[in-house]
Amino acid sequence: MIHPEKFSLLCSSTAEFADGQISISGEFPPTDPDSSGAITGGTGAYEDVGGEVTVAPSDTGTLLLNFFLVP
């Protein structure tokens, strides 16, 4: 039996908005407060954007996603 020091999953997701979608790829669960994922593509208003999304826990136990878009 082996015991890894760290375990995480690579997550690919899509966030849907009224004017398009943003595709994200990154590590889940977040390993630290500065965890971020890459914006890998988009549709509609987000067709040509890049950038990153950060994931942080909230006080209510949900996850907060902050999108930082680069045109």
C-alpha atoms as a PDB file:
ATOM      1  CA  MET A   1       0.000   0.000   0.000  1.00  0.00           C
ATOM      2  CA  ILE A   2       1.240   3.491  -0.822  1.00  0.00           C
ATOM      3  CA  HIS A   3       0.292   6.726   0.907  1.00  0.00           C
ATOM      4  CA  PRO A   4       0.677   9.874  -1.192  1.00  0.00           C
ATOM      5  CA  GLU A   5       1.648  13.081   0.550  1.00  0.00           C
ATOM      6  CA  LYS A   6      -0.768  14.997  -1.648  1.00  0.00           C
ATOM      7  CA  PHE A   7      -3.806  13.975  -3.668  1.00  0.00           C
ATOM      8  CA  SER A   8      -5.773  16.148  -6.056  1.00  0.00           C
ATOM      9  CA  LEU A   9      -7.854  15.772  -9.166  1.00  0.00           C
ATOM     10  CA  LEU A  10      -7.660  17.631 -12.453  1.00  0.00           C
ATOM     11  CA  CYS A  11     -11.080  19.124 -13.002  1.00  0.00           C
ATOM     12  CA  SER A  12     -12.484  20.394 -16.285  1.00  0.00           C
ATOM     13  CA  SER A  13     -15.632  22.489 -15.910  1.00  0.00           C
ATOM     14  CA  THR A  14     -17.869  24.891 -17.722  1.00  0.00           C
ATOM     15  CA  ALA A  15     -19.481  27.961 -16.159  1.00  0.00           C
ATOM     16  CA  GLU A  16     -22.668  29.067 -17.905  1.00  0.00           C
ATOM     17  CA  PHE A  17     -23.691  32.717 -18.096  1.00  0.00           C
ATOM     18  CA  ALA A  18     -26.543  34.461 -19.929  1.00  0.00           C
ATOM     19  CA  ASP A  19     -24.200  35.644 -22.696  1.00  0.00           C
ATOM     20  CA  GLY A  20     -21.961  32.568 -23.088  1.00  0.00           C
ATOM     21  CA  GLN A  21     -19.884  29.902 -21.388  1.00  0.00           C
ATOM     22  CA  ILE A  22     -16.358  29.773 -19.923  1.00  0.00           C
ATOM     23  CA  SER A  23     -14.340  26.533 -19.857  1.00  0.00           C
ATOM     24  CA  ILE A  24     -11.966  25.989 -16.918  1.00  0.00           C
ATOM     25  CA  SER A  25      -9.249  23.454 -16.127  1.00  0.00           C
ATOM     26  CA  GLY A  26      -7.515  23.163 -12.760  1.00  0.00           C
ATOM     27  CA  GLU A  27      -6.806  21.270  -9.588  1.00  0.00           C
ATOM     28  CA  PHE A  28      -9.669  20.261  -7.296  1.00  0.00           C
ATOM     29  CA  PRO A  29     -10.126  20.454  -4.406  1.00  0.00           C
ATOM     30  CA  PRO A  30      -8.221  23.699  -4.026  1.00  0.00           C
ATOM     31  CA  THR A  31      -4.945  22.996  -2.240  1.00  0.00           C
ATOM     32  CA  ASP A  32      -4.507  26.456  -0.755  1.00  0.00           C
ATOM     33  CA  PRO A  33      -6.175  29.884  -0.653  1.00  0.00           C
ATOM     34  CA  ASP A  34      -4.208  30.994  -3.723  1.00  0.00           C
ATOM     35  CA  SER A  35      -5.414  28.092  -5.845  1.00  0.00           C
ATOM     36  CA  SER A  36      -6.427  28.939  -9.395  1.00  0.00           C
ATOM     37  CA  GLY A  37      -7.387  27.271 -12.638  1.00  0.00           C
ATOM     38  CA  ALA A  38      -6.833  28.235 -16.239  1.00  0.00           C
ATOM     39  CA  ILE A  39      -9.592  29.586 -18.445  1.00  0.00           C
ATOM     40  CA  THR A  40      -9.203  27.355 -21.487  1.00  0.00           C
ATOM     41  CA  GLY A  41     -11.885  28.719 -23.782  1.00  0.00           C
ATOM     42  CA  GLY A  42     -15.313  30.202 -24.089  1.00  0.00           C
ATOM     43  CA  THR A  43     -18.360  30.806 -26.226  1.00  0.00           C
ATOM     44  CA  GLY A  44     -20.528  33.821 -26.982  1.00  0.00           C
ATOM     45  CA  ALA A  45     -19.250  36.967 -25.284  1.00  0.00           C
ATOM     46  CA  TYR A  46     -16.326  34.918 -23.894  1.00  0.00           C
ATOM     47  CA  GLU A  47     -15.140  33.389 -27.188  1.00  0.00           C
ATOM     48  CA  ASP A  48     -11.703  35.031 -27.233  1.00  0.00           C
ATOM     49  CA  VAL A  49     -10.950  35.387 -23.508  1.00  0.00           C
ATOM     50  CA  GLY A  50      -8.280  33.771 -21.394  1.00  0.00           C
ATOM     51  CA  GLY A  51      -7.285  34.260 -17.802  1.00  0.00           C
ATOM     52  CA  GLU A  52      -7.795  32.389 -14.590  1.00  0.00           C
ATOM     53  CA  VAL A  53     -10.406  31.529 -12.009  1.00  0.00           C
ATOM     54  CA  THR A  54      -9.703  31.342  -8.298  1.00  0.00           C
ATOM     55  CA  VAL A  55     -11.596  29.081  -5.931  1.00  0.00           C
ATOM     56  CA  ALA A  56     -12.029  29.920  -2.263  1.00  0.00           C
ATOM     57  CA  PRO A  57     -14.299  28.606   0.484  1.00  0.00           C
ATOM     58  CA  SER A  58     -16.922  30.985   1.858  1.00  0.00           C
ATOM     59  CA  ASP A  59     -18.124  31.369   5.439  1.00  0.00           C
ATOM     60  CA  THR A  60     -21.293  29.456   4.526  1.00  0.00           C
ATOM     61  CA  GLY A  61     -19.446  26.353   3.320  1.00  0.00           C
ATOM     62  CA  THR A  62     -19.873  26.992  -0.404  1.00  0.00           C
ATOM     63  CA  LEU A  63     -17.096  27.703  -2.897  1.00  0.00           C
ATOM     64  CA  LEU A  64     -16.617  31.170  -4.388  1.00  0.00           C
ATOM     65  CA  LEU A  65     -15.356  31.394  -7.983  1.00  0.00           C
ATOM     66  CA  ASN A  66     -13.666  34.622  -9.046  1.00  0.00           C
ATOM     67  CA  PHE A  67     -13.100  35.021 -12.788  1.00  0.00           C
ATOM     68  CA  PHE A  68     -10.191  37.187 -13.970  1.00  0.00           C
ATOM     69  CA  LEU A  69     -10.623  37.592 -17.734  1.00  0.00           C
ATOM     70  CA  VAL A  70      -7.951  38.665 -20.201  1.00  0.00           C
ATOM     71  CA  PRO A  71      -9.214  39.642 -23.681  1.00  0.00           C
END
